[in-house]
Amino acid sequence: MRSRLPSTPTPREAAGRVARAASPAPLPTGVVARAQPGSDLLLMPGQLYFGNQPASVRTLLGSCVAITLWHPKRRIGGMCHYLLPDRNAIEATLRDGRYAAEAVAMLVEAIAHVGTRPDEYEAHLYGGADTLPDHLTHKPNVGVRNIEIGWELVDRHGFQLMGVDVGDDVPRSVRLDMRSGEVAMRRSER
């Protein structure tokens, strides 16, 4: 029996390569949070989750913004926690959940993957606090820019905006109950 050279794929391997090449770009490790059924999932900055496995998805926000999504009929949803409105330069090949448009694009792909449309989802938009001290002479207004892109993305994709609490100078905690779709937001005291 002759052995095949490693560079010569079988027809099945070649078909698999073509299918993989046509699929969306892979996600960076750590962007999509993994959940255990019935658990409470804490999203870290730059992470997102979509599905129905955990009991809840929660996160803590300063100048970052979280967008929650819930499909009331299918009882499926998710959340993203982005840090920045956009990249300064487009050099990366992998999408990154730290950036608003990329995080929401990954959620929109997940929505399409389960056979639903963005306009079927209830959305909440939270965060964007000004967490820098007042005595600084130059403040980059990251929170304000995060809020603006969040509004734009919710509108662009047609999500049904149900709740908003943005701006000010206080951190927030957000929790999406994956059994009911209820979103609870609490402002922290300074």
N, C-alpha and C. Protein backbone atom coordinates (compact mmCIF):
# COMPACT_ATOMS: atom_id res chain seq x y z
N MET A 1 0.84 -1.17 0.00
CA MET A 1 0.00 0.00 0.00
C MET A 1 0.89 1.24 0.00
N ARG A 2 0.62 2.13 -0.90
CA ARG A 2 1.40 3.35 -0.99
C ARG A 2 0.85 4.39 -0.03
N SER A 3 1.74 5.11 0.58
CA SER A 3 1.29 6.17 1.47
C SER A 3 1.15 7.46 0.68
N ARG A 4 0.19 8.22 1.07
CA ARG A 4 -0.10 9.48 0.39
C ARG A 4 0.81 10.57 0.98
N LEU A 5 1.28 11.47 0.12
CA LEU A 5 2.06 12.59 0.59
C LEU A 5 1.16 13.52 1.41
N PRO A 6 1.67 14.12 2.46
CA PRO A 6 0.85 15.00 3.28
C PRO A 6 0.23 16.17 2.52
N SER A 7 0.85 16.61 1.45
CA SER A 7 0.33 17.77 0.73
C SER A 7 -0.77 17.39 -0.26
N THR A 8 -1.08 16.11 -0.44
CA THR A 8 -2.11 15.68 -1.36
C THR A 8 -3.35 15.27 -0.58
N PRO A 9 -4.35 16.13 -0.51
CA PRO A 9 -5.54 15.78 0.27
C PRO A 9 -6.44 14.82 -0.48
N THR A 10 -7.17 14.00 0.27
CA THR A 10 -8.19 13.15 -0.33
C THR A 10 -9.33 14.06 -0.76
N PRO A 11 -10.22 13.58 -1.62
CA PRO A 11 -11.36 14.42 -2.03
C PRO A 11 -12.19 14.88 -0.82
N ARG A 12 -12.36 14.02 0.17
CA ARG A 12 -13.12 14.38 1.38
C ARG A 12 -12.41 15.51 2.15
N GLU A 13 -11.07 15.41 2.27
CA GLU A 13 -10.32 16.45 2.96
C GLU A 13 -10.40 17.77 2.20
N ALA A 14 -10.31 17.69 0.88
CA ALA A 14 -10.38 18.91 0.06
C ALA A 14 -11.75 19.57 0.22
N ALA A 15 -12.82 18.79 0.24
CA ALA A 15 -14.16 19.35 0.42
C ALA A 15 -14.28 20.02 1.79
N GLY A 16 -13.68 19.40 2.80
CA GLY A 16 -13.71 19.99 4.14
C GLY A 16 -12.97 21.30 4.19
N ARG A 17 -11.87 21.41 3.48
CA ARG A 17 -11.11 22.66 3.43
C ARG A 17 -11.93 23.76 2.78
N VAL A 18 -12.64 23.42 1.71
CA VAL A 18 -13.46 24.40 1.02
C VAL A 18 -14.58 24.87 1.94
N ALA A 19 -15.23 23.94 2.64
CA ALA A 19 -16.32 24.31 3.54
C ALA A 19 -15.82 25.22 4.66
N ARG A 20 -14.65 24.90 5.19
CA ARG A 20 -14.10 25.73 6.26
C ARG A 20 -13.73 27.11 5.74
N ALA A 21 -13.25 27.18 4.52
CA ALA A 21 -12.85 28.47 3.96
C ALA A 21 -14.06 29.37 3.73
N ALA A 22 -15.22 28.77 3.43
CA ALA A 22 -16.42 29.55 3.17
C ALA A 22 -17.13 30.00 4.45
N SER A 23 -16.79 29.40 5.58
CA SER A 23 -17.46 29.76 6.83
C SER A 23 -16.93 31.09 7.35
N PRO A 24 -17.67 31.73 8.30
CA PRO A 24 -17.21 33.01 8.83
C PRO A 24 -15.84 32.88 9.49
N ALA A 25 -15.17 34.00 9.61
CA ALA A 25 -13.85 34.01 10.25
C ALA A 25 -13.96 33.47 11.66
N PRO A 26 -12.96 32.71 12.12
CA PRO A 26 -13.02 32.16 13.47
C PRO A 26 -12.95 33.26 14.51
N LEU A 27 -13.48 32.94 15.68
CA LEU A 27 -13.48 33.91 16.77
C LEU A 27 -12.24 33.72 17.62
N PRO A 28 -11.71 34.81 18.15
CA PRO A 28 -10.55 34.69 19.02
C PRO A 28 -10.91 33.94 20.29
N THR A 29 -9.96 33.19 20.81
CA THR A 29 -10.17 32.47 22.05
C THR A 29 -10.56 33.44 23.15
N GLY A 30 -11.57 33.09 23.90
CA GLY A 30 -12.00 33.91 25.01
C GLY A 30 -13.06 34.93 24.69
N VAL A 31 -13.41 35.12 23.41
CA VAL A 31 -14.43 36.11 23.06
C VAL A 31 -15.82 35.57 23.39
N VAL A 32 -16.12 34.37 22.93
CA VAL A 32 -17.41 33.76 23.17
C VAL A 32 -17.34 32.99 24.48
N ALA A 33 -18.07 33.45 25.47
CA ALA A 33 -18.04 32.81 26.78
C ALA A 33 -18.80 31.49 26.72
N ARG A 34 -18.27 30.49 27.37
CA ARG A 34 -18.90 29.17 27.45
C ARG A 34 -19.70 29.08 28.73
N ALA A 35 -20.88 28.51 28.65
CA ALA A 35 -21.75 28.43 29.81
C ALA A 35 -22.11 26.99 30.12
N GLN A 36 -22.24 26.71 31.39
CA GLN A 36 -22.72 25.42 31.86
C GLN A 36 -24.23 25.54 32.07
N PRO A 37 -25.00 24.51 31.70
CA PRO A 37 -26.46 24.58 31.90
C PRO A 37 -26.80 24.88 33.36
N GLY A 38 -27.70 25.84 33.55
CA GLY A 38 -28.18 26.19 34.87
C GLY A 38 -27.25 27.06 35.70
N SER A 39 -26.09 27.43 35.16
CA SER A 39 -25.12 28.22 35.91
C SER A 39 -25.38 29.71 35.73
N ASP A 40 -24.68 30.51 36.49
CA ASP A 40 -24.67 31.96 36.29
C ASP A 40 -23.36 32.30 35.61
N LEU A 41 -23.43 32.97 34.47
CA LEU A 41 -22.26 33.27 33.66
C LEU A 41 -21.89 34.74 33.84
N LEU A 42 -20.64 34.99 34.22
CA LEU A 42 -20.12 36.35 34.34
C LEU A 42 -19.32 36.67 33.08
N LEU A 43 -19.79 37.66 32.32
CA LEU A 43 -19.05 38.10 31.12
C LEU A 43 -17.97 39.08 31.53
N MET A 44 -16.78 38.85 31.04
CA MET A 44 -15.68 39.76 31.24
C MET A 44 -15.65 40.75 30.07
N PRO A 45 -14.97 41.88 30.22
CA PRO A 45 -14.88 42.84 29.10
C PRO A 45 -14.35 42.16 27.83
N GLY A 46 -15.02 42.42 26.72
CA GLY A 46 -14.62 41.84 25.44
C GLY A 46 -15.27 40.50 25.15
N GLN A 47 -16.07 39.99 26.07
CA GLN A 47 -16.72 38.70 25.85
C GLN A 47 -18.18 38.90 25.45
N LEU A 48 -18.74 37.83 24.86
CA LEU A 48 -20.15 37.81 24.53
C LEU A 48 -20.67 36.40 24.69
N TYR A 49 -21.99 36.29 24.82
CA TYR A 49 -22.64 34.98 24.92
C TYR A 49 -23.95 35.06 24.17
N PHE A 50 -24.31 33.95 23.50
CA PHE A 50 -25.62 33.81 22.87
C PHE A 50 -26.05 32.36 23.01
N GLY A 51 -27.27 32.13 23.45
CA GLY A 51 -27.79 30.78 23.59
C GLY A 51 -28.89 30.74 24.63
N ASN A 52 -28.99 29.59 25.32
CA ASN A 52 -30.00 29.45 26.36
C ASN A 52 -29.54 28.54 27.50
N GLN A 53 -28.25 28.33 27.64
CA GLN A 53 -27.73 27.39 28.63
C GLN A 53 -27.68 27.90 30.07
N PRO A 54 -27.10 29.06 30.33
CA PRO A 54 -26.96 29.45 31.73
C PRO A 54 -28.29 29.92 32.31
N ALA A 55 -28.36 29.96 33.63
CA ALA A 55 -29.53 30.52 34.29
C ALA A 55 -29.56 32.03 34.07
N SER A 56 -28.39 32.65 34.06
CA SER A 56 -28.31 34.09 33.82
C SER A 56 -26.95 34.44 33.24
N VAL A 57 -26.91 35.60 32.60
CA VAL A 57 -25.67 36.18 32.11
C VAL A 57 -25.58 37.56 32.75
N ARG A 58 -24.43 37.85 33.34
CA ARG A 58 -24.29 39.14 34.02
C ARG A 58 -22.92 39.73 33.73
N THR A 59 -22.82 41.04 33.97
CA THR A 59 -21.55 41.72 33.77
C THR A 59 -21.53 43.00 34.59
N LEU A 60 -20.34 43.55 34.75
CA LEU A 60 -20.12 44.81 35.45
C LEU A 60 -19.57 45.82 34.46
N LEU A 61 -20.10 47.05 34.50
CA LEU A 61 -19.75 48.06 33.51
C LEU A 61 -19.26 49.35 34.13
N GLY A 62 -18.26 49.95 33.49
CA GLY A 62 -17.84 51.32 33.78
C GLY A 62 -18.11 52.11 32.52
N SER A 63 -17.05 52.44 31.77
CA SER A 63 -17.22 53.14 30.50
C SER A 63 -17.61 52.17 29.38
N CYS A 64 -17.50 50.87 29.64
CA CYS A 64 -17.92 49.86 28.66
C CYS A 64 -19.43 49.88 28.52
N VAL A 65 -19.92 49.22 27.47
CA VAL A 65 -21.36 49.12 27.23
C VAL A 65 -21.73 47.66 27.05
N ALA A 66 -22.90 47.30 27.57
CA ALA A 66 -23.47 45.97 27.35
C ALA A 66 -24.76 46.13 26.56
N ILE A 67 -24.94 45.26 25.60
CA ILE A 67 -26.20 45.15 24.88
C ILE A 67 -26.74 43.76 25.17
N THR A 68 -27.97 43.70 25.70
CA THR A 68 -28.61 42.41 25.93
C THR A 68 -29.66 42.18 24.85
N LEU A 69 -29.85 40.93 24.48
CA LEU A 69 -30.84 40.56 23.47
C LEU A 69 -31.68 39.40 23.99
N TRP A 70 -32.99 39.42 23.71
CA TRP A 70 -33.88 38.36 24.16
C TRP A 70 -34.97 38.15 23.13
N HIS A 71 -35.18 36.88 22.74
CA HIS A 71 -36.26 36.51 21.83
C HIS A 71 -37.38 35.93 22.69
N PRO A 72 -38.49 36.67 22.87
CA PRO A 72 -39.52 36.23 23.81
C PRO A 72 -40.23 34.93 23.42
N LYS A 73 -40.33 34.62 22.16
CA LYS A 73 -41.01 33.38 21.75
C LYS A 73 -40.07 32.18 21.79
N ARG A 74 -38.86 32.35 21.31
CA ARG A 74 -37.89 31.24 21.28
C ARG A 74 -37.16 31.06 22.61
N ARG A 75 -37.24 32.07 23.49
CA ARG A 75 -36.59 32.03 24.81
C ARG A 75 -35.09 31.77 24.68
N ILE A 76 -34.50 32.60 23.85
CA ILE A 76 -33.06 32.52 23.60
C ILE A 76 -32.54 33.96 23.57
N GLY A 77 -31.29 34.14 23.94
CA GLY A 77 -30.77 35.49 23.95
C GLY A 77 -29.29 35.55 24.24
N GLY A 78 -28.83 36.75 24.55
CA GLY A 78 -27.41 36.90 24.82
C GLY A 78 -27.06 38.30 25.23
N MET A 79 -25.75 38.49 25.37
CA MET A 79 -25.23 39.77 25.80
C MET A 79 -23.82 39.92 25.27
N CYS A 80 -23.45 41.17 24.95
CA CYS A 80 -22.06 41.48 24.66
C CYS A 80 -21.61 42.59 25.60
N HIS A 81 -20.33 42.60 25.89
CA HIS A 81 -19.72 43.61 26.77
C HIS A 81 -18.52 44.16 26.01
N TYR A 82 -18.72 45.31 25.33
CA TYR A 82 -17.61 45.86 24.55
C TYR A 82 -16.96 47.03 25.28
N LEU A 83 -15.66 47.22 24.99
CA LEU A 83 -14.86 48.24 25.66
C LEU A 83 -14.70 49.52 24.86
N LEU A 84 -14.64 49.38 23.54
CA LEU A 84 -14.31 50.50 22.67
C LEU A 84 -15.26 50.55 21.49
N PRO A 85 -15.52 51.75 20.95
CA PRO A 85 -16.42 51.84 19.81
C PRO A 85 -15.87 51.21 18.53
N ASP A 86 -14.57 51.36 18.29
CA ASP A 86 -13.99 50.81 17.07
C ASP A 86 -12.48 50.68 17.21
N ARG A 87 -11.89 50.08 16.21
CA ARG A 87 -10.43 49.93 16.18
C ARG A 87 -9.81 51.19 15.61
N ASN A 88 -8.60 51.48 16.04
CA ASN A 88 -7.86 52.59 15.43
C ASN A 88 -7.35 52.22 14.05
N ALA A 89 -7.02 50.96 13.87
CA ALA A 89 -6.52 50.48 12.58
C ALA A 89 -7.12 49.12 12.30
N ILE A 90 -7.37 48.85 11.04
CA ILE A 90 -7.93 47.56 10.65
C ILE A 90 -6.78 46.67 10.20
N GLU A 91 -6.14 46.00 11.16
CA GLU A 91 -5.05 45.12 10.77
C GLU A 91 -5.31 43.67 11.14
N ALA A 92 -6.23 43.44 12.06
CA ALA A 92 -6.46 42.09 12.54
C ALA A 92 -7.36 41.31 11.58
N THR A 93 -7.14 40.02 11.51
CA THR A 93 -7.98 39.17 10.68
C THR A 93 -9.11 38.55 11.50
N LEU A 94 -8.93 38.46 12.80
CA LEU A 94 -9.97 37.90 13.66
C LEU A 94 -10.80 39.02 14.28
N ARG A 95 -12.10 38.81 14.34
CA ARG A 95 -12.95 39.79 14.99
C ARG A 95 -12.69 39.75 16.49
N ASP A 96 -12.98 40.86 17.14
CA ASP A 96 -12.64 41.01 18.55
C ASP A 96 -13.83 41.61 19.29
N GLY A 97 -14.30 40.93 20.33
CA GLY A 97 -15.44 41.37 21.10
C GLY A 97 -15.21 42.63 21.90
N ARG A 98 -13.98 43.13 21.91
CA ARG A 98 -13.72 44.38 22.62
C ARG A 98 -14.26 45.59 21.86
N TYR A 99 -14.55 45.42 20.58
CA TYR A 99 -15.00 46.51 19.73
C TYR A 99 -16.48 46.34 19.40
N ALA A 100 -17.25 47.43 19.52
CA ALA A 100 -18.71 47.40 19.41
C ALA A 100 -19.22 46.70 18.15
N ALA A 101 -18.83 47.20 16.99
CA ALA A 101 -19.38 46.66 15.74
C ALA A 101 -19.04 45.19 15.56
N GLU A 102 -17.86 44.78 15.98
CA GLU A 102 -17.46 43.39 15.83
C GLU A 102 -18.23 42.49 16.79
N ALA A 103 -18.43 42.95 18.03
CA ALA A 103 -19.19 42.16 19.01
C ALA A 103 -20.63 41.98 18.54
N VAL A 104 -21.26 43.05 18.09
CA VAL A 104 -22.65 42.96 17.64
C VAL A 104 -22.75 42.13 16.37
N ALA A 105 -21.77 42.22 15.48
CA ALA A 105 -21.79 41.39 14.26
C ALA A 105 -21.77 39.91 14.62
N MET A 106 -21.00 39.54 15.64
CA MET A 106 -20.97 38.14 16.06
C MET A 106 -22.32 37.71 16.63
N LEU A 107 -22.99 38.59 17.38
CA LEU A 107 -24.33 38.28 17.89
C LEU A 107 -25.32 38.13 16.73
N VAL A 108 -25.24 39.01 15.75
CA VAL A 108 -26.15 38.95 14.59
C VAL A 108 -25.94 37.65 13.82
N GLU A 109 -24.71 37.20 13.69
CA GLU A 109 -24.45 35.90 13.05
C GLU A 109 -25.08 34.76 13.83
N ALA A 110 -24.98 34.82 15.16
CA ALA A 110 -25.58 33.78 16.00
C ALA A 110 -27.10 33.79 15.86
N ILE A 111 -27.68 34.98 15.76
CA ILE A 111 -29.13 35.12 15.56
C ILE A 111 -29.55 34.45 14.26
N ALA A 112 -28.83 34.71 13.19
CA ALA A 112 -29.13 34.10 11.89
C ALA A 112 -28.94 32.59 11.94
N HIS A 113 -27.93 32.15 12.67
CA HIS A 113 -27.63 30.71 12.76
C HIS A 113 -28.79 29.92 13.38
N VAL A 114 -29.55 30.52 14.28
CA VAL A 114 -30.69 29.83 14.89
C VAL A 114 -31.99 30.10 14.15
N GLY A 115 -31.90 30.75 12.98
CA GLY A 115 -33.07 30.95 12.13
C GLY A 115 -33.99 32.06 12.58
N THR A 116 -33.44 33.08 13.23
CA THR A 116 -34.24 34.22 13.66
C THR A 116 -33.69 35.49 13.04
N ARG A 117 -34.42 36.60 13.25
CA ARG A 117 -34.01 37.90 12.70
C ARG A 117 -33.78 38.88 13.85
N PRO A 118 -32.90 39.85 13.68
CA PRO A 118 -32.65 40.84 14.73
C PRO A 118 -33.90 41.58 15.20
N ASP A 119 -34.84 41.87 14.29
CA ASP A 119 -36.02 42.64 14.69
C ASP A 119 -36.98 41.85 15.58
N GLU A 120 -36.71 40.58 15.80
CA GLU A 120 -37.51 39.76 16.70
C GLU A 120 -37.00 39.82 18.14
N TYR A 121 -35.89 40.53 18.35
CA TYR A 121 -35.24 40.55 19.67
C TYR A 121 -35.49 41.85 20.41
N GLU A 122 -35.74 41.70 21.71
CA GLU A 122 -35.82 42.84 22.62
C GLU A 122 -34.39 43.14 23.06
N ALA A 123 -34.04 44.41 23.03
CA ALA A 123 -32.68 44.82 23.37
C ALA A 123 -32.69 45.81 24.53
N HIS A 124 -31.61 45.76 25.29
CA HIS A 124 -31.36 46.73 26.36
C HIS A 124 -29.94 47.24 26.16
N LEU A 125 -29.73 48.52 26.47
CA LEU A 125 -28.44 49.17 26.29
C LEU A 125 -28.04 49.84 27.60
N TYR A 126 -26.89 49.42 28.16
CA TYR A 126 -26.46 49.92 29.45
C TYR A 126 -24.97 50.26 29.46
N GLY A 127 -24.59 51.22 30.29
CA GLY A 127 -23.18 51.53 30.52
C GLY A 127 -22.77 52.88 29.98
N GLY A 128 -21.50 52.97 29.63
CA GLY A 128 -20.96 54.20 29.08
C GLY A 128 -20.71 55.29 30.10
N ALA A 129 -20.40 54.89 31.33
CA ALA A 129 -20.17 55.89 32.39
C ALA A 129 -18.85 56.63 32.15
N ASP A 130 -18.82 57.86 32.63
CA ASP A 130 -17.59 58.64 32.62
C ASP A 130 -16.87 58.31 33.93
N THR A 131 -15.90 57.43 33.86
CA THR A 131 -15.24 56.94 35.07
C THR A 131 -13.92 57.62 35.37
N LEU A 132 -13.54 58.60 34.55
CA LEU A 132 -12.27 59.29 34.77
C LEU A 132 -12.47 60.48 35.71
N PRO A 133 -11.48 60.78 36.53
CA PRO A 133 -11.61 61.90 37.47
C PRO A 133 -11.83 63.23 36.75
N ASP A 134 -12.58 64.11 37.39
CA ASP A 134 -12.91 65.42 36.80
C ASP A 134 -11.71 66.33 36.61
N HIS A 135 -10.65 66.15 37.39
CA HIS A 135 -9.50 67.05 37.30
C HIS A 135 -8.61 66.82 36.08
N LEU A 136 -8.84 65.75 35.33
CA LEU A 136 -8.04 65.50 34.13
C LEU A 136 -8.35 66.55 33.08
N THR A 137 -7.33 67.05 32.41
CA THR A 137 -7.53 68.07 31.39
C THR A 137 -7.97 67.47 30.05
N HIS A 138 -7.53 66.27 29.77
CA HIS A 138 -7.93 65.60 28.52
C HIS A 138 -8.65 64.31 28.87
N LYS A 139 -9.92 64.25 28.52
CA LYS A 139 -10.72 63.04 28.74
C LYS A 139 -11.15 62.52 27.37
N PRO A 140 -10.84 61.28 27.06
CA PRO A 140 -11.16 60.75 25.73
C PRO A 140 -12.64 60.47 25.48
N ASN A 141 -13.50 60.60 26.48
CA ASN A 141 -14.94 60.38 26.33
C ASN A 141 -15.27 59.01 25.73
N VAL A 142 -14.58 57.99 26.18
CA VAL A 142 -14.82 56.64 25.67
C VAL A 142 -16.26 56.23 25.95
N GLY A 143 -16.75 56.53 27.14
CA GLY A 143 -18.12 56.16 27.48
C GLY A 143 -19.14 56.77 26.53
N VAL A 144 -18.99 58.05 26.22
CA VAL A 144 -19.90 58.73 25.30
C VAL A 144 -19.83 58.10 23.92
N ARG A 145 -18.64 57.83 23.45
CA ARG A 145 -18.48 57.21 22.13
C ARG A 145 -19.06 55.79 22.11
N ASN A 146 -18.91 55.05 23.22
CA ASN A 146 -19.49 53.71 23.31
C ASN A 146 -21.02 53.76 23.26
N ILE A 147 -21.60 54.76 23.91
CA ILE A 147 -23.05 54.93 23.89
C ILE A 147 -23.52 55.23 22.47
N GLU A 148 -22.86 56.16 21.81
CA GLU A 148 -23.27 56.56 20.45
C GLU A 148 -23.25 55.38 19.49
N ILE A 149 -22.19 54.57 19.53
CA ILE A 149 -22.13 53.42 18.61
C ILE A 149 -23.16 52.37 19.02
N GLY A 150 -23.42 52.24 20.30
CA GLY A 150 -24.45 51.30 20.75
C GLY A 150 -25.82 51.65 20.20
N TRP A 151 -26.20 52.94 20.31
CA TRP A 151 -27.46 53.40 19.73
C TRP A 151 -27.51 53.10 18.24
N GLU A 152 -26.41 53.44 17.54
CA GLU A 152 -26.35 53.23 16.09
C GLU A 152 -26.54 51.77 15.72
N LEU A 153 -25.86 50.85 16.45
CA LEU A 153 -25.94 49.42 16.13
C LEU A 153 -27.32 48.85 16.42
N VAL A 154 -27.93 49.26 17.52
CA VAL A 154 -29.29 48.80 17.84
C VAL A 154 -30.24 49.24 16.72
N ASP A 155 -30.12 50.48 16.29
CA ASP A 155 -30.97 51.01 15.23
C ASP A 155 -30.68 50.32 13.90
N ARG A 156 -29.41 50.20 13.55
CA ARG A 156 -29.01 49.61 12.26
C ARG A 156 -29.55 48.19 12.09
N HIS A 157 -29.52 47.40 13.15
CA HIS A 157 -29.94 45.99 13.05
C HIS A 157 -31.42 45.79 13.32
N GLY A 158 -32.12 46.84 13.77
CA GLY A 158 -33.56 46.75 13.95
C GLY A 158 -34.00 46.07 15.24
N PHE A 159 -33.13 46.01 16.23
CA PHE A 159 -33.53 45.44 17.52
C PHE A 159 -34.63 46.31 18.14
N GLN A 160 -35.52 45.71 18.93
CA GLN A 160 -36.57 46.45 19.63
C GLN A 160 -35.99 46.93 20.96
N LEU A 161 -35.69 48.20 21.07
CA LEU A 161 -35.06 48.74 22.27
C LEU A 161 -36.10 48.85 23.38
N MET A 162 -35.88 48.13 24.47
CA MET A 162 -36.83 48.06 25.58
C MET A 162 -36.35 48.79 26.83
N GLY A 163 -35.04 48.93 26.99
CA GLY A 163 -34.52 49.56 28.18
C GLY A 163 -33.18 50.20 27.93
N VAL A 164 -32.96 51.36 28.56
CA VAL A 164 -31.71 52.10 28.39
C VAL A 164 -31.35 52.75 29.72
N ASP A 165 -30.09 52.65 30.09
CA ASP A 165 -29.56 53.43 31.20
C ASP A 165 -28.08 53.64 30.89
N VAL A 166 -27.74 54.81 30.37
CA VAL A 166 -26.39 55.07 29.89
C VAL A 166 -25.89 56.41 30.43
N GLY A 167 -24.56 56.58 30.36
CA GLY A 167 -23.93 57.83 30.74
C GLY A 167 -23.76 57.98 32.23
N ASP A 168 -23.75 59.24 32.69
CA ASP A 168 -23.54 59.57 34.10
C ASP A 168 -22.12 59.18 34.50
N ASP A 169 -21.87 59.05 35.78
CA ASP A 169 -20.51 58.72 36.22
C ASP A 169 -20.49 57.55 37.20
N VAL A 170 -21.48 56.66 37.11
CA VAL A 170 -21.55 55.53 38.04
C VAL A 170 -21.44 54.20 37.31
N PRO A 171 -20.72 53.26 37.89
CA PRO A 171 -20.68 51.91 37.32
C PRO A 171 -22.05 51.23 37.45
N ARG A 172 -22.25 50.20 36.66
CA ARG A 172 -23.51 49.47 36.67
C ARG A 172 -23.25 47.97 36.65
N SER A 173 -24.19 47.23 37.19
CA SER A 173 -24.19 45.78 37.01
C SER A 173 -25.46 45.43 36.25
N VAL A 174 -25.34 44.48 35.33
CA VAL A 174 -26.45 44.08 34.47
C VAL A 174 -26.58 42.57 34.53
N ARG A 175 -27.84 42.10 34.62
CA ARG A 175 -28.10 40.66 34.68
C ARG A 175 -29.27 40.34 33.76
N LEU A 176 -29.06 39.39 32.84
CA LEU A 176 -30.11 38.89 31.95
C LEU A 176 -30.51 37.50 32.44
N ASP A 177 -31.76 37.36 32.86
CA ASP A 177 -32.28 36.06 33.30
C ASP A 177 -32.63 35.26 32.05
N MET A 178 -31.95 34.16 31.84
CA MET A 178 -32.13 33.37 30.62
C MET A 178 -33.36 32.48 30.67
N ARG A 179 -34.08 32.45 31.77
CA ARG A 179 -35.33 31.69 31.84
C ARG A 179 -36.51 32.56 31.47
N SER A 180 -36.46 33.86 31.83
CA SER A 180 -37.60 34.74 31.61
C SER A 180 -37.32 35.88 30.63
N GLY A 181 -36.05 36.20 30.40
CA GLY A 181 -35.70 37.34 29.56
C GLY A 181 -35.67 38.65 30.32
N GLU A 182 -35.95 38.61 31.61
CA GLU A 182 -35.94 39.83 32.41
C GLU A 182 -34.51 40.36 32.55
N VAL A 183 -34.37 41.67 32.38
CA VAL A 183 -33.07 42.30 32.53
C VAL A 183 -33.12 43.19 33.78
N ALA A 184 -32.16 42.98 34.67
CA ALA A 184 -32.05 43.80 35.87
C ALA A 184 -30.75 44.59 35.79
N MET A 185 -30.86 45.90 36.03
CA MET A 185 -29.69 46.76 36.03
C MET A 185 -29.66 47.49 37.37
N ARG A 186 -28.46 47.54 37.95
CA ARG A 186 -28.30 48.24 39.22
C ARG A 186 -27.12 49.20 39.10
N ARG A 187 -27.34 50.44 39.52
CA ARG A 187 -26.27 51.44 39.56
C ARG A 187 -25.52 51.27 40.87
N SER A 188 -24.20 51.33 40.79
CA SER A 188 -23.37 51.24 41.98
C SER A 188 -23.22 52.61 42.60
N GLU A 189 -23.04 52.63 43.89
CA GLU A 189 -22.80 53.90 44.61
C GLU A 189 -21.34 54.25 44.49
N ARG A 190 -21.03 55.53 44.40
CA ARG A 190 -19.64 55.97 44.35
C ARG A 190 -19.12 56.17 45.73
